[in-house]
Structure formats: structure tokens, C-alpha cells
Amino acid sequence: MRYAFIVAALMSATIVETRGVQGAHLSDEPYILYWPHKAGDPGQAVGLLYTPDVLAALIASQSPETVPARLREAVQQQTPIVVMWTIPPMGGSEPWPRPFSTAIVEEGDSFGGKLRILPVWTDQNANELRQLDTRTSFQDVGTMAAFPRSAFVPGRLVTIYLRLPSEPKQLRGVQRLGLIEWNGALAMR
């Protein structure tokens, strides 16, 4: 089968207002997911990773009745939550239609032929996290999803994608990828 992919242009600046930076990590800050990059180049931020520990720290500062049940369950079930920014339109065209899909895949296999881990649940916005993490901007959310903790292996990719109509035996789509550096353990690096 011939695969024809249109990879979304990433030249437009995505503004990510988050307190964390690659390297040091505080317990209540999400990890930033970057487009796969060369060593020494941090790449473009394409989303955020909320580990169960980060979620627990954020929940601890809230009144229990204000915390959405799905986020409490994510901590209890140890399911990290990923927020991926939307796929920017190409060259002044209209925004891509929703819904977007998401999965965790092996590096070099962006749409997931060899390994494809689907989320436990997904949503097209991050309203629940907005309530919990008021210090981070979520203006360009494409999808929010919870994945099994075991899916987080350094070098794997979180992908947000949209399949597009195509000719028979062809597969077309747009996507963005975020490189996983967190290893599913309590602390990174």
C-alpha cells in the first residue's frame, strides 16, 4: 500500500505558556512534549504531558469537590494525560476539521503500523485540566487523552492526526508528533 502523508507545516509559532522547561522538573509542572529534534535543539513544543504525580500535586492544591472525577481517576489508575496542540492549517488555508485522533507509536512509525497504543479516553478540549492548572495556557488544544502508564517509553511518539479522504489503497493525513522522554517512572532524568 502506498502511503502519502501531508505533514502539517510547523513554521507558525505555537505559543505555549507553561512554567516548565526541558531539564529541571517541579512536581506540579507538566512535561513539555517537543517535535522530534536534533540533539541540542529543543524543537517546537507540540503539547504537554501530565504524569500521575503532576496531576496529584495539582489536585492536592484544590478543593476536592472542584476536581473533575476523570482527573481523580487518572491519578488513582496511574494513567498519564497528554494534551496535544492543534495541527496548524497549511499556508493560509482553513483550520483542519475535527475530531482529531491520537495514539502513541514507535519512533519512525508515525501513524502506527508496528506499534499503536490507543488512549484510555480522549476529548477534543482540555477544559478539565484548565480548571486544575490555571497557570498554563490551553488556547490551541487539538486533543486531550489518557494513556496507560506503560505506554511511556523514551523514544516513542505521541501523535495527533487527522486522516484525509484519499484514493483507494492510499492513506493521507496530517499529523504532529511529540517525542516522549519520560520513562513512566516517578521522576524524569
Protein backbone atom coordinates (compact mmCIF):
# COMPACT_ATOMS: atom_id res chain seq x y z
CA MET A 1 0.00 0.00 0.00
CA ARG A 2 1.37 3.39 -0.92
CA TYR A 3 1.28 5.97 1.85
CA ALA A 4 1.06 9.62 1.00
CA PHE A 5 1.22 11.87 4.02
CA ILE A 6 0.97 15.57 4.24
CA VAL A 7 2.86 16.62 7.33
CA ALA A 8 1.45 19.83 8.74
CA ALA A 9 3.75 22.80 8.40
CA LEU A 10 5.18 23.70 11.76
CA MET A 11 6.69 27.02 10.85
CA SER A 12 3.94 29.00 12.55
CA ALA A 13 4.78 29.84 16.12
CA THR A 14 2.81 28.00 18.76
CA ILE A 15 2.78 29.93 21.99
CA VAL A 16 2.98 27.68 24.99
CA GLU A 17 2.67 29.38 28.33
CA THR A 18 3.98 26.85 30.78
CA ARG A 19 6.28 27.16 33.71
CA GLY A 20 8.48 24.17 32.90
CA VAL A 21 11.46 23.98 30.66
CA GLN A 22 13.26 20.95 29.38
CA GLY A 23 15.63 19.74 32.10
CA ALA A 24 14.66 20.54 35.68
CA HIS A 25 11.16 19.49 36.62
CA LEU A 26 8.98 20.60 39.51
CA SER A 27 6.34 18.20 40.78
CA ASP A 28 3.30 20.25 39.75
CA GLU A 29 4.50 21.20 36.25
CA PRO A 30 3.63 19.23 33.14
CA TYR A 31 6.43 18.00 30.91
CA ILE A 32 6.63 19.75 27.56
CA LEU A 33 6.39 17.47 24.51
CA TYR A 34 8.60 18.59 21.66
CA TRP A 35 8.59 17.79 17.96
CA PRO A 36 11.38 15.20 17.43
CA HIS A 37 14.57 17.17 17.10
CA LYS A 38 18.31 17.04 16.77
CA ALA A 39 20.46 16.76 19.90
CA GLY A 40 20.98 20.16 21.46
CA ASP A 41 17.97 21.70 19.68
CA PRO A 42 14.87 21.73 21.92
CA GLY A 43 12.50 21.68 18.94
CA GLN A 44 8.98 23.09 18.84
CA ALA A 45 6.58 22.49 21.71
CA VAL A 46 3.60 20.45 20.48
CA GLY A 47 1.90 19.51 23.75
CA LEU A 48 2.10 18.69 27.44
CA LEU A 49 2.37 15.52 29.49
CA TYR A 50 0.68 15.40 32.90
CA THR A 51 2.07 12.44 34.80
CA PRO A 52 0.01 10.96 37.66
CA ASP A 53 2.42 12.66 40.08
CA VAL A 54 1.93 16.06 38.43
CA LEU A 55 -1.84 15.57 38.49
CA ALA A 56 -1.73 14.53 42.17
CA ALA A 57 0.26 17.66 43.07
CA LEU A 58 -2.21 19.88 41.21
CA ILE A 59 -5.20 18.12 42.79
CA ALA A 60 -3.70 18.49 46.28
CA SER A 61 -3.97 22.27 45.96
CA GLN A 62 -7.68 22.13 45.06
CA SER A 63 -10.89 21.72 47.00
CA PRO A 64 -11.89 18.03 46.48
CA GLU A 65 -15.37 18.83 45.16
CA THR A 66 -13.94 21.02 42.40
CA VAL A 67 -11.70 18.33 40.89
CA PRO A 68 -13.25 16.57 37.89
CA ALA A 69 -13.79 12.84 38.55
CA ARG A 70 -11.89 11.83 35.41
CA LEU A 71 -8.74 13.56 36.68
CA ARG A 72 -9.01 11.97 40.14
CA GLU A 73 -9.40 8.59 38.42
CA ALA A 74 -6.30 9.27 36.28
CA VAL A 75 -4.27 9.62 39.48
CA GLN A 76 -5.82 6.53 41.08
CA GLN A 77 -5.38 4.40 37.95
CA GLN A 78 -1.91 5.86 37.16
CA THR A 79 -2.90 6.99 33.65
CA PRO A 80 -0.87 9.99 32.42
CA ILE A 81 -2.75 12.63 30.42
CA VAL A 82 -1.39 14.17 27.24
CA VAL A 83 -2.57 17.45 25.75
CA MET A 84 -1.58 17.99 22.13
CA TRP A 85 -1.85 21.38 20.44
CA THR A 86 -3.95 21.54 17.31
CA ILE A 87 -2.43 20.92 13.87
CA PRO A 88 -1.96 24.34 12.27
CA PRO A 89 -3.50 24.89 8.84
CA MET A 90 -1.20 24.95 5.84
CA GLY A 91 -0.42 28.21 4.08
CA GLY A 92 -3.44 30.32 4.98
CA SER A 93 -5.98 27.55 4.41
CA GLU A 94 -8.92 26.86 6.70
CA PRO A 95 -8.33 25.06 10.04
CA TRP A 96 -8.42 21.26 9.84
CA PRO A 97 -11.82 19.76 10.66
CA ARG A 98 -12.28 17.92 13.95
CA PRO A 99 -12.20 15.42 15.53
CA PHE A 100 -8.51 14.71 15.78
CA SER A 101 -7.24 11.28 16.77
CA THR A 102 -4.27 10.40 18.94
CA ALA A 103 -2.06 7.40 19.66
CA ILE A 104 1.38 6.51 20.97
CA VAL A 105 3.61 4.93 18.32
CA GLU A 106 7.19 3.77 17.83
CA GLU A 107 9.74 6.27 16.57
CA GLY A 108 9.93 6.15 12.78
CA ASP A 109 6.40 4.76 12.51
CA SER A 110 4.38 7.93 12.91
CA PHE A 111 0.91 6.64 12.02
CA GLY A 112 1.49 3.41 13.93
CA GLY A 113 1.97 0.36 11.77
CA LYS A 114 4.25 -1.61 14.11
CA LEU A 115 3.01 -0.35 17.46
CA ARG A 116 -0.12 1.67 18.08
CA ILE A 117 -1.28 2.32 21.64
CA LEU A 118 -4.71 3.90 21.75
CA PRO A 119 -5.84 6.15 24.60
CA VAL A 120 -7.97 5.00 27.52
CA TRP A 121 -10.15 8.03 26.82
CA THR A 122 -9.90 11.16 24.69
CA ASP A 123 -11.50 14.59 24.49
CA GLN A 124 -11.22 17.39 21.93
CA ASN A 125 -10.55 20.07 24.56
CA ALA A 126 -8.74 20.41 27.87
CA ASN A 127 -11.44 22.14 29.90
CA GLU A 128 -10.98 19.81 32.90
CA LEU A 129 -7.25 20.50 33.01
CA ARG A 130 -7.88 24.23 32.57
CA GLN A 131 -9.80 24.13 35.85
CA LEU A 132 -6.95 22.33 37.60
CA ASP A 133 -3.89 24.02 36.06
CA THR A 134 -4.72 27.70 35.83
CA ARG A 135 -1.09 28.72 35.20
CA THR A 136 -0.88 27.07 31.78
CA SER A 137 -2.49 28.38 28.60
CA PHE A 138 -4.52 25.89 26.57
CA GLN A 139 -5.71 28.11 23.73
CA ASP A 140 -4.77 25.77 20.85
CA VAL A 141 -5.80 22.33 22.14
CA GLY A 142 -6.31 19.68 19.49
CA THR A 143 -6.89 16.74 21.82
CA MET A 144 -6.53 15.62 25.44
CA ALA A 145 -6.11 11.91 26.15
CA ALA A 146 -5.20 9.49 28.93
CA PHE A 147 -2.86 6.60 28.13
CA PRO A 148 -1.67 3.58 30.11
CA ARG A 149 1.47 4.45 32.06
CA SER A 150 3.30 1.52 30.43
CA ALA A 151 2.98 3.25 27.02
CA PHE A 152 5.50 5.90 28.06
CA VAL A 153 8.87 4.69 26.83
CA PRO A 154 11.57 7.21 25.87
CA GLY A 155 11.80 7.50 22.08
CA ARG A 156 8.15 6.69 21.41
CA LEU A 157 5.98 9.38 19.88
CA VAL A 158 2.62 10.83 20.84
CA THR A 159 0.84 11.70 17.62
CA ILE A 160 -2.20 13.84 16.93
CA TYR A 161 -3.53 13.20 13.46
CA LEU A 162 -6.40 13.55 11.03
CA ARG A 163 -6.95 11.14 8.18
CA LEU A 164 -7.95 12.81 4.92
CA PRO A 165 -10.02 11.47 2.04
CA SER A 166 -7.83 9.71 -0.48
CA GLU A 167 -7.76 7.42 -3.46
CA PRO A 168 -8.23 3.67 -2.88
CA LYS A 169 -5.11 1.97 -1.46
CA GLN A 170 -3.67 5.31 -0.40
CA LEU A 171 -3.62 6.80 3.05
CA ARG A 172 -3.36 10.55 3.51
CA GLY A 173 -3.43 12.67 6.59
CA VAL A 174 -1.91 15.44 8.64
CA GLN A 175 -0.20 14.99 11.96
CA ARG A 176 2.05 16.40 14.67
CA LEU A 177 4.40 14.34 16.79
CA GLY A 178 5.67 14.78 20.33
CA LEU A 179 8.76 12.91 21.49
CA ILE A 180 8.35 11.03 24.77
CA GLU A 181 11.30 11.45 27.10
CA TRP A 182 9.56 10.45 30.36
CA ASN A 183 10.03 6.77 31.14
CA GLY A 184 6.86 6.14 33.14
CA ALA A 185 8.76 6.34 36.42
CA LEU A 186 8.24 8.84 39.20
CA ALA A 187 10.98 11.17 38.02
CA MET A 188 12.49 12.01 34.65
CA ARG A 189 16.28 12.14 34.10
